[in-house]
Amino acid sequence: MYKIFNLYKMQVLPLSALRADISSMIDRVQQGETVRILRHGKPVADLVPVQETPSARQPSWKQPFEPVALPPQASLVQAVLHEREVGA
């Protein structure tokens, strides 16, 4: 009835076919395939499997850090000026 193309483990089908058989397409995606959805013959979306491993790299501003430890009676301004002089 509908043309469903197999390209490198990818199903390509019109939106009407997806609506008619969404559960089997979700099963295919769960098995690792990609499903490309067409509307009026043009690709509009890809259903892809969820990546199991989250990205190991976080932006530096999201990474935990150690709080600045200042000696007693020292001001933050003095510590910053000292770091600038030392080049740390």
PDB file of N, CA and C in Angstrom:
ATOM      1  N   MET A   1       0.828  -1.193   0.000  1.00  0.00           N
ATOM      2  CA  MET A   1       0.000   0.000   0.000  1.00  0.00           C
ATOM      3  C   MET A   1       0.871   1.256   0.000  1.00  0.00           C
ATOM      4  N   TYR A   2       1.761   1.401   1.010  1.00  0.00           N
ATOM      5  CA  TYR A   2       2.680   2.529   1.060  1.00  0.00           C
ATOM      6  C   TYR A   2       4.077   2.052   0.729  1.00  0.00           C
ATOM      7  N   LYS A   3       4.829   2.923   0.128  1.00  0.00           N
ATOM      8  CA  LYS A   3       6.222   2.584  -0.150  1.00  0.00           C
ATOM      9  C   LYS A   3       7.034   2.842   1.112  1.00  0.00           C
ATOM     10  N   ILE A   4       7.684   1.818   1.614  1.00  0.00           N
ATOM     11  CA  ILE A   4       8.558   1.945   2.768  1.00  0.00           C
ATOM     12  C   ILE A   4       9.934   1.510   2.309  1.00  0.00           C
ATOM     13  N   PHE A   5      10.872   2.439   2.331  1.00  0.00           N
ATOM     14  CA  PHE A   5      12.207   2.187   1.823  1.00  0.00           C
ATOM     15  C   PHE A   5      13.131   1.786   2.964  1.00  0.00           C
ATOM     16  N   ASN A   6      14.002   0.830   2.722  1.00  0.00           N
ATOM     17  CA  ASN A   6      15.018   0.440   3.697  1.00  0.00           C
ATOM     18  C   ASN A   6      16.351   1.009   3.256  1.00  0.00           C
ATOM     19  N   LEU A   7      16.844   2.006   3.968  1.00  0.00           N
ATOM     20  CA  LEU A   7      18.139   2.618   3.675  1.00  0.00           C
ATOM     21  C   LEU A   7      18.977   2.598   4.943  1.00  0.00           C
ATOM     22  N   TYR A   8      19.987   1.745   4.974  1.00  0.00           N
ATOM     23  CA  TYR A   8      20.908   1.726   6.104  1.00  0.00           C
ATOM     24  C   TYR A   8      20.190   1.692   7.449  1.00  0.00           C
ATOM     25  N   LYS A   9      19.349   0.714   7.641  1.00  0.00           N
ATOM     26  CA  LYS A   9      18.562   0.565   8.860  1.00  0.00           C
ATOM     27  C   LYS A   9      17.666   1.771   9.113  1.00  0.00           C
ATOM     28  N   MET A  10      17.161   2.387   8.046  1.00  0.00           N
ATOM     29  CA  MET A  10      16.269   3.523   8.216  1.00  0.00           C
ATOM     30  C   MET A  10      14.965   3.250   7.469  1.00  0.00           C
ATOM     31  N   GLN A  11      13.868   3.398   8.171  1.00  0.00           N
ATOM     32  CA  GLN A  11      12.555   3.306   7.546  1.00  0.00           C
ATOM     33  C   GLN A  11      12.157   4.699   7.088  1.00  0.00           C
ATOM     34  N   VAL A  12      11.668   4.827   5.879  1.00  0.00           N
ATOM     35  CA  VAL A  12      11.166   6.090   5.353  1.00  0.00           C
ATOM     36  C   VAL A  12       9.708   5.865   5.005  1.00  0.00           C
ATOM     37  N   LEU A  13       8.821   6.642   5.639  1.00  0.00           N
ATOM     38  CA  LEU A  13       7.408   6.428   5.390  1.00  0.00           C
ATOM     39  C   LEU A  13       6.638   7.727   5.535  1.00  0.00           C
ATOM     40  N   PRO A  14       5.488   7.808   4.861  1.00  0.00           N
ATOM     41  CA  PRO A  14       4.668   9.012   4.970  1.00  0.00           C
ATOM     42  C   PRO A  14       4.016   9.106   6.349  1.00  0.00           C
ATOM     43  N   LEU A  15       3.626  10.317   6.701  1.00  0.00           N
ATOM     44  CA  LEU A  15       3.012  10.570   7.995  1.00  0.00           C
ATOM     45  C   LEU A  15       1.745   9.743   8.182  1.00  0.00           C
ATOM     46  N   SER A  16       0.983   9.545   7.148  1.00  0.00           N
ATOM     47  CA  SER A  16      -0.251   8.755   7.262  1.00  0.00           C
ATOM     48  C   SER A  16       0.051   7.306   7.645  1.00  0.00           C
ATOM     49  N   ALA A  17       1.139   6.752   7.119  1.00  0.00           N
ATOM     50  CA  ALA A  17       1.514   5.382   7.476  1.00  0.00           C
ATOM     51  C   ALA A  17       2.001   5.324   8.923  1.00  0.00           C
ATOM     52  N   LEU A  18       2.686   6.359   9.372  1.00  0.00           N
ATOM     53  CA  LEU A  18       3.121   6.408  10.762  1.00  0.00           C
ATOM     54  C   LEU A  18       1.922   6.452  11.699  1.00  0.00           C
ATOM     55  N   ARG A  19       0.948   7.281  11.375  1.00  0.00           N
ATOM     56  CA  ARG A  19      -0.262   7.371  12.198  1.00  0.00           C
ATOM     57  C   ARG A  19      -0.979   6.033  12.278  1.00  0.00           C
ATOM     58  N   ALA A  20      -0.994   5.313  11.178  1.00  0.00           N
ATOM     59  CA  ALA A  20      -1.704   4.035  11.142  1.00  0.00           C
ATOM     60  C   ALA A  20      -0.990   2.952  11.929  1.00  0.00           C
ATOM     61  N   ASP A  21       0.345   3.058  12.070  1.00  0.00           N
ATOM     62  CA  ASP A  21       1.099   1.959  12.670  1.00  0.00           C
ATOM     63  C   ASP A  21       2.221   2.483  13.570  1.00  0.00           C
ATOM     64  N   ILE A  22       1.893   3.417  14.458  1.00  0.00           N
ATOM     65  CA  ILE A  22       2.911   4.056  15.285  1.00  0.00           C
ATOM     66  C   ILE A  22       3.592   3.074  16.235  1.00  0.00           C
ATOM     67  N   SER A  23       2.859   2.121  16.784  1.00  0.00           N
ATOM     68  CA  SER A  23       3.475   1.226  17.778  1.00  0.00           C
ATOM     69  C   SER A  23       4.573   0.362  17.156  1.00  0.00           C
ATOM     70  N   SER A  24       4.367  -0.123  15.940  1.00  0.00           N
ATOM     71  CA  SER A  24       5.417  -0.935  15.322  1.00  0.00           C
ATOM     72  C   SER A  24       6.629  -0.074  14.952  1.00  0.00           C
ATOM     73  N   MET A  25       6.394   1.195  14.609  1.00  0.00           N
ATOM     74  CA  MET A  25       7.521   2.084  14.306  1.00  0.00           C
ATOM     75  C   MET A  25       8.316   2.386  15.574  1.00  0.00           C
ATOM     76  N   ILE A  26       7.635   2.567  16.701  1.00  0.00           N
ATOM     77  CA  ILE A  26       8.325   2.772  17.976  1.00  0.00           C
ATOM     78  C   ILE A  26       9.133   1.524  18.328  1.00  0.00           C
ATOM     79  N   ASP A  27       8.577   0.345  18.053  1.00  0.00           N
ATOM     80  CA  ASP A  27       9.323  -0.899  18.291  1.00  0.00           C
ATOM     81  C   ASP A  27      10.602  -0.939  17.458  1.00  0.00           C
ATOM     82  N   ARG A  28      10.527  -0.505  16.210  1.00  0.00           N
ATOM     83  CA  ARG A  28      11.701  -0.488  15.332  1.00  0.00           C
ATOM     84  C   ARG A  28      12.762   0.475  15.873  1.00  0.00           C
ATOM     85  N   VAL A  29      12.318   1.634  16.328  1.00  0.00           N
ATOM     86  CA  VAL A  29      13.249   2.614  16.882  1.00  0.00           C
ATOM     87  C   VAL A  29      13.893   2.048  18.147  1.00  0.00           C
ATOM     88  N   GLN A  30      13.106   1.357  18.954  1.00  0.00           N
ATOM     89  CA  GLN A  30      13.631   0.759  20.182  1.00  0.00           C
ATOM     90  C   GLN A  30      14.694  -0.300  19.869  1.00  0.00           C
ATOM     91  N   GLN A  31      14.588  -0.941  18.710  1.00  0.00           N
ATOM     92  CA  GLN A  31      15.564  -1.949  18.294  1.00  0.00           C
ATOM     93  C   GLN A  31      16.797  -1.326  17.645  1.00  0.00           C
ATOM     94  N   GLY A  32      16.826   0.008  17.526  1.00  0.00           N
ATOM     95  CA  GLY A  32      18.020   0.677  17.016  1.00  0.00           C
ATOM     96  C   GLY A  32      17.874   1.282  15.638  1.00  0.00           C
ATOM     97  N   GLU A  33      16.735   1.127  14.999  1.00  0.00           N
ATOM     98  CA  GLU A  33      16.550   1.695  13.664  1.00  0.00           C
ATOM     99  C   GLU A  33      16.146   3.160  13.752  1.00  0.00           C
ATOM    100  N   THR A  34      16.299   3.867  12.657  1.00  0.00           N
ATOM    101  CA  THR A  34      15.836   5.243  12.538  1.00  0.00           C
ATOM    102  C   THR A  34      14.658   5.258  11.587  1.00  0.00           C
ATOM    103  N   VAL A  35      13.642   6.023  11.923  1.00  0.00           N
ATOM    104  CA  VAL A  35      12.455   6.134  11.082  1.00  0.00           C
ATOM    105  C   VAL A  35      12.351   7.581  10.602  1.00  0.00           C
ATOM    106  N   ARG A  36      12.384   7.775   9.283  1.00  0.00           N
ATOM    107  CA  ARG A  36      12.233   9.112   8.699  1.00  0.00           C
ATOM    108  C   ARG A  36      10.784   9.285   8.276  1.00  0.00           C
ATOM    109  N   ILE A  37      10.197  10.407   8.672  1.00  0.00           N
ATOM    110  CA  ILE A  37       8.792  10.681   8.392  1.00  0.00           C
ATOM    111  C   ILE A  37       8.696  11.725   7.288  1.00  0.00           C
ATOM    112  N   LEU A  38       7.867  11.428   6.304  1.00  0.00           N
ATOM    113  CA  LEU A  38       7.669  12.329   5.172  1.00  0.00           C
ATOM    114  C   LEU A  38       6.299  12.977   5.247  1.00  0.00           C
ATOM    115  N   ARG A  39       6.218  14.242   4.862  1.00  0.00           N
ATOM    116  CA  ARG A  39       4.933  14.916   4.699  1.00  0.00           C
ATOM    117  C   ARG A  39       4.930  15.485   3.290  1.00  0.00           C
ATOM    118  N   HIS A  40       3.972  15.066   2.509  1.00  0.00           N
ATOM    119  CA  HIS A  40       3.878  15.459   1.103  1.00  0.00           C
ATOM    120  C   HIS A  40       5.160  15.133   0.350  1.00  0.00           C
ATOM    121  N   GLY A  41       5.770  13.992   0.703  1.00  0.00           N
ATOM    122  CA  GLY A  41       6.953  13.518   0.010  1.00  0.00           C
ATOM    123  C   GLY A  41       8.264  14.149   0.449  1.00  0.00           C
ATOM    124  N   LYS A  42       8.223  15.056   1.434  1.00  0.00           N
ATOM    125  CA  LYS A  42       9.440  15.714   1.896  1.00  0.00           C
ATOM    126  C   LYS A  42       9.731  15.297   3.340  1.00  0.00           C
ATOM    127  N   PRO A  43      10.993  15.026   3.663  1.00  0.00           N
ATOM    128  CA  PRO A  43      11.331  14.637   5.037  1.00  0.00           C
ATOM    129  C   PRO A  43      11.052  15.775   6.011  1.00  0.00           C
ATOM    130  N   VAL A  44      10.387  15.450   7.124  1.00  0.00           N
ATOM    131  CA  VAL A  44      10.087  16.461   8.134  1.00  0.00           C
ATOM    132  C   VAL A  44      10.619  16.088   9.514  1.00  0.00           C
ATOM    133  N   ALA A  45      10.860  14.802   9.767  1.00  0.00           N
ATOM    134  CA  ALA A  45      11.342  14.399  11.091  1.00  0.00           C
ATOM    135  C   ALA A  45      12.010  13.037  11.017  1.00  0.00           C
ATOM    136  N   ASP A  46      12.902  12.799  11.975  1.00  0.00           N
ATOM    137  CA  ASP A  46      13.523  11.493  12.154  1.00  0.00           C
ATOM    138  C   ASP A  46      13.235  11.020  13.571  1.00  0.00           C
ATOM    139  N   LEU A  47      12.762   9.797  13.701  1.00  0.00           N
ATOM    140  CA  LEU A  47      12.660   9.166  15.008  1.00  0.00           C
ATOM    141  C   LEU A  47      13.924   8.366  15.191  1.00  0.00           C
ATOM    142  N   VAL A  48      14.688   8.688  16.214  1.00  0.00           N
ATOM    143  CA  VAL A  48      15.965   8.023  16.445  1.00  0.00           C
ATOM    144  C   VAL A  48      15.988   7.422  17.840  1.00  0.00           C
ATOM    145  N   PRO A  49      16.760   6.339  18.041  1.00  0.00           N
ATOM    146  CA  PRO A  49      16.855   5.752  19.372  1.00  0.00           C
ATOM    147  C   PRO A  49      17.523   6.723  20.355  1.00  0.00           C
ATOM    148  N   VAL A  50      17.134   6.623  21.594  1.00  0.00           N
ATOM    149  CA  VAL A  50      17.723   7.449  22.639  1.00  0.00           C
ATOM    150  C   VAL A  50      19.134   6.951  22.920  1.00  0.00           C
ATOM    151  N   GLN A  51      20.059   7.865  23.086  1.00  0.00           N
ATOM    152  CA  GLN A  51      21.426   7.505  23.426  1.00  0.00           C
ATOM    153  C   GLN A  51      21.451   7.040  24.879  1.00  0.00           C
ATOM    154  N   GLU A  52      22.006   5.857  25.112  1.00  0.00           N
ATOM    155  CA  GLU A  52      22.037   5.287  26.457  1.00  0.00           C
ATOM    156  C   GLU A  52      23.024   5.996  27.368  1.00  0.00           C
ATOM    157  N   THR A  53      24.169   6.405  26.833  1.00  0.00           N
ATOM    158  CA  THR A  53      25.177   7.035  27.674  1.00  0.00           C
ATOM    159  C   THR A  53      25.081   8.542  27.521  1.00  0.00           C
ATOM    160  N   PRO A  54      24.929   9.254  28.615  1.00  0.00           N
ATOM    161  CA  PRO A  54      24.900  10.714  28.511  1.00  0.00           C
ATOM    162  C   PRO A  54      26.291  11.231  28.171  1.00  0.00           C
ATOM    163  N   SER A  55      26.334  12.415  27.690  1.00  0.00           N
ATOM    164  CA  SER A  55      27.607  13.020  27.328  1.00  0.00           C
ATOM    165  C   SER A  55      28.490  13.121  28.560  1.00  0.00           C
ATOM    166  N   ALA A  56      29.715  12.621  28.453  1.00  0.00           N
ATOM    167  CA  ALA A  56      30.630  12.613  29.590  1.00  0.00           C
ATOM    168  C   ALA A  56      31.195  14.008  29.846  1.00  0.00           C
ATOM    169  N   ARG A  57      31.219  14.839  28.852  1.00  0.00           N
ATOM    170  CA  ARG A  57      31.814  16.167  29.015  1.00  0.00           C
ATOM    171  C   ARG A  57      30.744  17.185  29.367  1.00  0.00           C
ATOM    172  N   GLN A  58      30.993  17.925  30.445  1.00  0.00           N
ATOM    173  CA  GLN A  58      30.119  19.011  30.849  1.00  0.00           C
ATOM    174  C   GLN A  58      30.822  20.335  30.590  1.00  0.00           C
ATOM    175  N   PRO A  59      30.059  21.384  30.359  1.00  0.00           N
ATOM    176  CA  PRO A  59      30.698  22.691  30.251  1.00  0.00           C
ATOM    177  C   PRO A  59      31.392  23.032  31.570  1.00  0.00           C
ATOM    178  N   SER A  60      32.431  23.814  31.487  1.00  0.00           N
ATOM    179  CA  SER A  60      33.221  24.120  32.692  1.00  0.00           C
ATOM    180  C   SER A  60      32.385  24.813  33.764  1.00  0.00           C
ATOM    181  N   TRP A  61      31.397  25.606  33.361  1.00  0.00           N
ATOM    182  CA  TRP A  61      30.605  26.314  34.359  1.00  0.00           C
ATOM    183  C   TRP A  61      29.649  25.391  35.107  1.00  0.00           C
ATOM    184  N   LYS A  62      29.437  24.164  34.598  1.00  0.00           N
ATOM    185  CA  LYS A  62      28.590  23.204  35.292  1.00  0.00           C
ATOM    186  C   LYS A  62      29.397  22.236  36.156  1.00  0.00           C
ATOM    187  N   GLN A  63      30.687  22.208  36.009  1.00  0.00           N
ATOM    188  CA  GLN A  63      31.516  21.269  36.754  1.00  0.00           C
ATOM    189  C   GLN A  63      31.700  21.751  38.191  1.00  0.00           C
ATOM    190  N   PRO A  64      31.727  20.812  39.132  1.00  0.00           N
ATOM    191  CA  PRO A  64      31.919  21.211  40.530  1.00  0.00           C
ATOM    192  C   PRO A  64      33.314  21.797  40.741  1.00  0.00           C
ATOM    193  N   PHE A  65      33.433  22.646  41.726  1.00  0.00           N
ATOM    194  CA  PHE A  65      34.722  23.269  42.010  1.00  0.00           C
ATOM    195  C   PHE A  65      34.901  23.398  43.515  1.00  0.00           C
ATOM    196  N   GLU A  66      36.149  23.553  43.895  1.00  0.00           N
ATOM    197  CA  GLU A  66      36.493  23.736  45.300  1.00  0.00           C
ATOM    198  C   GLU A  66      36.329  25.215  45.654  1.00  0.00           C
ATOM    199  N   PRO A  67      35.731  25.503  46.785  1.00  0.00           N
ATOM    200  CA  PRO A  67      35.625  26.917  47.168  1.00  0.00           C
ATOM    201  C   PRO A  67      37.003  27.502  47.476  1.00  0.00           C
ATOM    202  N   VAL A  68      37.099  28.791  47.312  1.00  0.00           N
ATOM    203  CA  VAL A  68      38.367  29.472  47.567  1.00  0.00           C
ATOM    204  C   VAL A  68      38.617  29.490  49.075  1.00  0.00           C
ATOM    205  N   ALA A  69      39.792  29.033  49.469  1.00  0.00           N
ATOM    206  CA  ALA A  69      40.169  29.038  50.882  1.00  0.00           C
ATOM    207  C   ALA A  69      41.117  30.203  51.130  1.00  0.00           C
ATOM    208  N   LEU A  70      40.664  31.159  51.895  1.00  0.00           N
ATOM    209  CA  LEU A  70      41.478  32.325  52.206  1.00  0.00           C
ATOM    210  C   LEU A  70      42.061  32.180  53.609  1.00  0.00           C
ATOM    211  N   PRO A  71      43.284  32.638  53.786  1.00  0.00           N
ATOM    212  CA  PRO A  71      43.827  32.630  55.144  1.00  0.00           C
ATOM    213  C   PRO A  71      43.030  33.590  56.026  1.00  0.00           C
ATOM    214  N   PRO A  72      43.078  33.363  57.333  1.00  0.00           N
ATOM    215  CA  PRO A  72      42.345  34.281  58.228  1.00  0.00           C
ATOM    216  C   PRO A  72      42.854  35.714  58.053  1.00  0.00           C
ATOM    217  N   GLN A  73      41.965  36.642  58.165  1.00  0.00           N
ATOM    218  CA  GLN A  73      42.263  38.079  58.080  1.00  0.00           C
ATOM    219  C   GLN A  73      42.625  38.523  56.662  1.00  0.00           C
ATOM    220  N   ALA A  74      42.503  37.661  55.635  1.00  0.00           N
ATOM    221  CA  ALA A  74      42.830  38.046  54.261  1.00  0.00           C
ATOM    222  C   ALA A  74      41.559  38.421  53.527  1.00  0.00           C
ATOM    223  N   SER A  75      41.678  39.365  52.623  1.00  0.00           N
ATOM    224  CA  SER A  75      40.511  39.756  51.837  1.00  0.00           C
ATOM    225  C   SER A  75      40.580  39.086  50.466  1.00  0.00           C
ATOM    226  N   LEU A  76      39.443  38.961  49.836  1.00  0.00           N
ATOM    227  CA  LEU A  76      39.377  38.358  48.508  1.00  0.00           C
ATOM    228  C   LEU A  76      40.150  39.197  47.497  1.00  0.00           C
ATOM    229  N   VAL A  77      40.099  40.505  47.651  1.00  0.00           N
ATOM    230  CA  VAL A  77      40.815  41.392  46.738  1.00  0.00           C
ATOM    231  C   VAL A  77      42.314  41.120  46.816  1.00  0.00           C
ATOM    232  N   GLN A  78      42.835  40.968  48.030  1.00  0.00           N
ATOM    233  CA  GLN A  78      44.260  40.687  48.194  1.00  0.00           C
ATOM    234  C   GLN A  78      44.627  39.352  47.550  1.00  0.00           C
ATOM    235  N   ALA A  79      43.767  38.341  47.695  1.00  0.00           N
ATOM    236  CA  ALA A  79      44.036  37.026  47.116  1.00  0.00           C
ATOM    237  C   ALA A  79      44.055  37.097  45.597  1.00  0.00           C
ATOM    238  N   VAL A  80      43.134  37.847  44.999  1.00  0.00           N
ATOM    239  CA  VAL A  80      43.095  37.987  43.537  1.00  0.00           C
ATOM    240  C   VAL A  80      44.338  38.724  43.044  1.00  0.00           C
ATOM    241  N   LEU A  81      44.721  39.795  43.731  1.00  0.00           N
ATOM    242  CA  LEU A  81      45.917  40.533  43.333  1.00  0.00           C
ATOM    243  C   LEU A  81      47.167  39.660  43.451  1.00  0.00           C
ATOM    244  N   HIS A  82      47.230  38.846  44.491  1.00  0.00           N
ATOM    245  CA  HIS A  82      48.372  37.938  44.653  1.00  0.00           C
ATOM    246  C   HIS A  82      48.425  36.918  43.519  1.00  0.00           C
ATOM    247  N   GLU A  83      47.270  36.346  43.131  1.00  0.00           N
ATOM    248  CA  GLU A  83      47.233  35.376  42.026  1.00  0.00           C
ATOM    249  C   GLU A  83      47.686  36.037  40.729  1.00  0.00           C
ATOM    250  N   ARG A  84      47.307  37.272  40.508  1.00  0.00           N
ATOM    251  CA  ARG A  84      47.721  37.979  39.287  1.00  0.00           C
ATOM    252  C   ARG A  84      49.235  38.159  39.259  1.00  0.00           C
ATOM    253  N   GLU A  85      49.798  38.473  40.411  1.00  0.00           N
ATOM    254  CA  GLU A  85      51.245  38.689  40.477  1.00  0.00           C
ATOM    255  C   GLU A  85      52.001  37.375  40.257  1.00  0.00           C
ATOM    256  N   VAL A  86      51.512  36.306  40.875  1.00  0.00           N
ATOM    257  CA  VAL A  86      52.175  35.007  40.781  1.00  0.00           C
ATOM    258  C   VAL A  86      51.953  34.363  39.418  1.00  0.00           C
ATOM    259  N   GLY A  87      50.796  34.635  38.833  1.00  0.00           N
ATOM    260  CA  GLY A  87      50.487  34.058  37.534  1.00  0.00           C
ATOM    261  C   GLY A  87      49.846  32.686  37.648  1.00  0.00           C
ATOM    262  N   ALA A  88      49.201  32.386  38.754  1.00  0.00           N
ATOM    263  CA  ALA A  88      48.596  31.074  38.964  1.00  0.00           C
ATOM    264  C   ALA A  88      47.258  30.966  38.311  1.00  0.00           C
TER     265      ALA A  88
END
